[in-house]
């Protein structure tokens, strides 16, 4: 019975455990990316970040109300 473990059978077992682990990892990664946060995408962040910067500049007094409204309409 112990003869099965000779000749690299143990290495084959480790190989298949690694393969199954990689498959599980890939499936979990795909699920997490598919159902993850939608605002992680660059196109979603850009507009929000620009608007936030505009609001901060207006709050600090760097731009006038007219400039704020004009740039807000552009965004």
N, C-alpha and C. Protein backbone atom coordinates (compact mmCIF):
# COMPACT_ATOMS: atom_id res chain seq x y z
N UNK A 1 0.81 -1.19 0.00
CA UNK A 1 0.00 0.00 0.00
C UNK A 1 0.86 1.26 0.00
N UNK A 2 1.94 1.28 0.71
CA UNK A 2 2.82 2.43 0.78
C UNK A 2 3.61 2.62 -0.51
N UNK A 3 3.58 1.65 -1.39
CA UNK A 3 4.32 1.74 -2.64
C UNK A 3 3.80 2.88 -3.51
N UNK A 4 2.54 3.27 -3.34
CA UNK A 4 1.96 4.32 -4.17
C UNK A 4 2.65 5.67 -3.95
N UNK A 5 3.21 5.89 -2.77
CA UNK A 5 3.82 7.17 -2.46
C UNK A 5 5.25 7.27 -2.99
N UNK A 6 5.79 6.19 -3.44
CA UNK A 6 7.13 6.22 -4.02
C UNK A 6 7.04 6.71 -5.46
N UNK A 7 8.15 7.23 -5.96
CA UNK A 7 8.21 7.60 -7.37
C UNK A 7 7.53 8.92 -7.70
N UNK A 8 7.31 9.78 -6.74
CA UNK A 8 6.78 11.10 -7.04
C UNK A 8 5.29 11.26 -6.90
N UNK A 9 4.59 10.28 -6.38
CA UNK A 9 3.15 10.41 -6.21
C UNK A 9 2.82 11.57 -5.27
N UNK A 10 3.68 11.76 -4.27
CA UNK A 10 3.47 12.87 -3.34
C UNK A 10 3.57 14.20 -4.07
N UNK A 11 4.50 14.30 -5.03
CA UNK A 11 4.64 15.53 -5.80
C UNK A 11 3.42 15.79 -6.68
N UNK A 12 2.84 14.71 -7.23
CA UNK A 12 1.63 14.86 -8.02
C UNK A 12 0.49 15.38 -7.17
N UNK A 13 0.40 14.90 -5.94
CA UNK A 13 -0.65 15.35 -5.03
C UNK A 13 -0.48 16.85 -4.74
N UNK A 14 0.74 17.28 -4.46
CA UNK A 14 1.01 18.69 -4.20
C UNK A 14 0.68 19.53 -5.44
N UNK A 15 1.04 19.02 -6.61
CA UNK A 15 0.75 19.71 -7.86
C UNK A 15 -0.75 19.94 -8.01
N UNK A 16 -1.56 18.93 -7.79
CA UNK A 16 -3.00 19.06 -7.96
C UNK A 16 -3.63 19.94 -6.89
N UNK A 17 -3.09 19.91 -5.69
CA UNK A 17 -3.58 20.81 -4.65
C UNK A 17 -3.32 22.26 -5.07
N UNK A 18 -2.15 22.53 -5.62
CA UNK A 18 -1.83 23.88 -6.10
C UNK A 18 -2.74 24.30 -7.26
N UNK A 19 -2.99 23.39 -8.18
CA UNK A 19 -3.85 23.68 -9.32
C UNK A 19 -5.26 24.02 -8.85
N UNK A 20 -5.80 23.21 -7.95
CA UNK A 20 -7.15 23.46 -7.44
C UNK A 20 -7.18 24.78 -6.68
N UNK A 21 -6.14 25.06 -5.90
CA UNK A 21 -6.06 26.33 -5.18
C UNK A 21 -6.04 27.52 -6.12
N UNK A 22 -5.28 27.42 -7.22
CA UNK A 22 -5.23 28.50 -8.20
C UNK A 22 -6.58 28.71 -8.89
N UNK A 23 -7.27 27.62 -9.17
CA UNK A 23 -8.60 27.73 -9.78
C UNK A 23 -9.57 28.42 -8.83
N UNK A 24 -9.54 28.04 -7.56
CA UNK A 24 -10.42 28.67 -6.57
C UNK A 24 -10.09 30.16 -6.44
N UNK A 25 -8.80 30.48 -6.41
CA UNK A 25 -8.37 31.88 -6.32
C UNK A 25 -8.86 32.67 -7.53
N UNK A 26 -8.76 32.09 -8.73
CA UNK A 26 -9.19 32.78 -9.94
C UNK A 26 -10.69 33.04 -9.93
N UNK A 27 -11.46 32.04 -9.49
CA UNK A 27 -12.92 32.20 -9.44
C UNK A 27 -13.30 33.29 -8.44
N UNK A 28 -12.69 33.28 -7.27
CA UNK A 28 -12.99 34.29 -6.25
C UNK A 28 -12.59 35.68 -6.76
N UNK A 29 -11.45 35.78 -7.43
CA UNK A 29 -11.02 37.08 -7.97
C UNK A 29 -12.00 37.60 -9.01
N UNK A 30 -12.47 36.72 -9.88
CA UNK A 30 -13.43 37.14 -10.89
C UNK A 30 -14.73 37.61 -10.26
N UNK A 31 -15.19 36.90 -9.25
CA UNK A 31 -16.42 37.29 -8.57
C UNK A 31 -16.25 38.63 -7.87
N UNK A 32 -15.13 38.81 -7.19
CA UNK A 32 -14.88 40.07 -6.48
C UNK A 32 -14.80 41.24 -7.46
N UNK A 33 -14.19 41.04 -8.61
CA UNK A 33 -14.08 42.11 -9.60
C UNK A 33 -15.43 42.41 -10.25
N UNK A 34 -16.23 41.38 -10.45
CA UNK A 34 -17.53 41.57 -11.10
C UNK A 34 -18.51 42.30 -10.19
N UNK A 35 -18.48 41.99 -8.90
CA UNK A 35 -19.43 42.57 -7.97
C UNK A 35 -18.80 43.58 -7.03
N UNK A 36 -17.57 44.00 -7.33
CA UNK A 36 -16.86 44.96 -6.48
C UNK A 36 -17.43 46.36 -6.63
N UNK A 37 -16.75 47.30 -6.05
CA UNK A 37 -17.17 48.69 -6.12
C UNK A 37 -17.11 49.18 -7.55
N UNK A 38 -18.14 49.87 -7.96
CA UNK A 38 -18.19 50.39 -9.32
C UNK A 38 -17.39 51.68 -9.47
N UNK A 39 -17.15 52.40 -8.38
CA UNK A 39 -16.44 53.67 -8.48
C UNK A 39 -14.93 53.50 -8.51
N UNK A 40 -14.43 52.29 -8.58
CA UNK A 40 -13.00 52.05 -8.71
C UNK A 40 -12.53 52.28 -10.14
N UNK A 41 -13.45 52.40 -11.04
CA UNK A 41 -13.07 52.58 -12.44
C UNK A 41 -12.65 54.03 -12.67
N UNK A 42 -11.65 54.25 -13.50
CA UNK A 42 -11.14 55.60 -13.71
C UNK A 42 -12.18 56.59 -14.22
N UNK A 43 -13.08 56.14 -15.10
CA UNK A 43 -14.04 57.08 -15.66
C UNK A 43 -15.03 57.56 -14.61
N UNK A 44 -15.28 56.79 -13.58
CA UNK A 44 -16.16 57.21 -12.51
C UNK A 44 -15.47 58.13 -11.53
N UNK A 45 -14.19 57.94 -11.33
CA UNK A 45 -13.44 58.72 -10.35
C UNK A 45 -13.13 60.12 -10.85
N UNK A 46 -12.83 60.27 -12.12
CA UNK A 46 -12.36 61.53 -12.66
C UNK A 46 -13.31 62.68 -12.43
N UNK A 47 -14.57 62.48 -12.75
CA UNK A 47 -15.55 63.55 -12.61
C UNK A 47 -15.78 63.89 -11.14
N UNK A 48 -15.90 62.87 -10.30
CA UNK A 48 -16.11 63.11 -8.88
C UNK A 48 -14.92 63.83 -8.26
N UNK A 49 -13.72 63.43 -8.63
CA UNK A 49 -12.52 64.06 -8.08
C UNK A 49 -12.42 65.51 -8.55
N UNK A 50 -12.73 65.76 -9.81
CA UNK A 50 -12.66 67.12 -10.34
C UNK A 50 -13.68 68.02 -9.64
N UNK A 51 -14.88 67.51 -9.42
CA UNK A 51 -15.90 68.28 -8.74
C UNK A 51 -15.50 68.57 -7.29
N UNK A 52 -14.92 67.58 -6.65
CA UNK A 52 -14.46 67.76 -5.27
C UNK A 52 -13.37 68.83 -5.19
N UNK A 53 -12.43 68.80 -6.13
CA UNK A 53 -11.36 69.81 -6.15
C UNK A 53 -11.95 71.20 -6.40
N UNK A 54 -12.92 71.27 -7.32
CA UNK A 54 -13.57 72.55 -7.61
C UNK A 54 -14.25 73.11 -6.36
N UNK A 55 -14.96 72.26 -5.64
CA UNK A 55 -15.63 72.70 -4.41
C UNK A 55 -14.63 73.16 -3.36
N UNK A 56 -13.52 72.44 -3.26
CA UNK A 56 -12.50 72.83 -2.28
C UNK A 56 -11.87 74.18 -2.64
N UNK A 57 -11.60 74.39 -3.91
CA UNK A 57 -11.02 75.67 -4.34
C UNK A 57 -11.98 76.82 -4.07
N UNK A 58 -13.27 76.59 -4.31
CA UNK A 58 -14.27 77.62 -4.03
C UNK A 58 -14.36 77.89 -2.53
N UNK A 59 -14.32 76.84 -1.74
CA UNK A 59 -14.40 76.99 -0.28
C UNK A 59 -13.19 77.75 0.27
N UNK A 60 -12.03 77.56 -0.32
CA UNK A 60 -10.83 78.25 0.14
C UNK A 60 -10.76 79.69 -0.38
N UNK A 61 -11.64 80.03 -1.31
CA UNK A 61 -11.66 81.38 -1.86
C UNK A 61 -10.70 81.58 -3.01
N UNK A 62 -10.21 80.50 -3.59
CA UNK A 62 -9.28 80.61 -4.71
C UNK A 62 -9.98 81.04 -6.00
N UNK A 63 -11.27 80.71 -6.11
CA UNK A 63 -12.02 81.10 -7.30
C UNK A 63 -13.30 81.81 -6.86
N UNK A 64 -13.82 82.65 -7.74
CA UNK A 64 -15.05 83.40 -7.42
C UNK A 64 -16.27 82.51 -7.67
N UNK A 65 -17.43 83.03 -7.26
CA UNK A 65 -18.67 82.29 -7.46
C UNK A 65 -18.96 82.13 -8.95
N UNK A 66 -18.67 83.14 -9.73
CA UNK A 66 -18.89 83.07 -11.18
C UNK A 66 -18.02 81.99 -11.81
N UNK A 67 -16.74 81.96 -11.41
CA UNK A 67 -15.84 80.93 -11.93
C UNK A 67 -16.31 79.54 -11.52
N UNK A 68 -16.76 79.44 -10.27
CA UNK A 68 -17.25 78.15 -9.78
C UNK A 68 -18.43 77.66 -10.61
N UNK A 69 -19.41 78.53 -10.83
CA UNK A 69 -20.60 78.14 -11.59
C UNK A 69 -20.25 77.79 -13.04
N UNK A 70 -19.34 78.55 -13.63
CA UNK A 70 -18.94 78.29 -15.01
C UNK A 70 -18.26 76.92 -15.12
N UNK A 71 -17.33 76.65 -14.22
CA UNK A 71 -16.61 75.38 -14.26
C UNK A 71 -17.50 74.21 -13.86
N UNK A 72 -18.44 74.47 -12.96
CA UNK A 72 -19.38 73.43 -12.55
C UNK A 72 -20.23 72.97 -13.73
N UNK A 73 -20.66 73.93 -14.55
CA UNK A 73 -21.45 73.60 -15.74
C UNK A 73 -20.64 72.77 -16.74
N UNK A 74 -19.34 73.06 -16.83
CA UNK A 74 -18.48 72.30 -17.74
C UNK A 74 -18.34 70.85 -17.30
N UNK A 75 -18.30 70.66 -15.99
CA UNK A 75 -18.15 69.29 -15.48
C UNK A 75 -19.45 68.54 -15.62
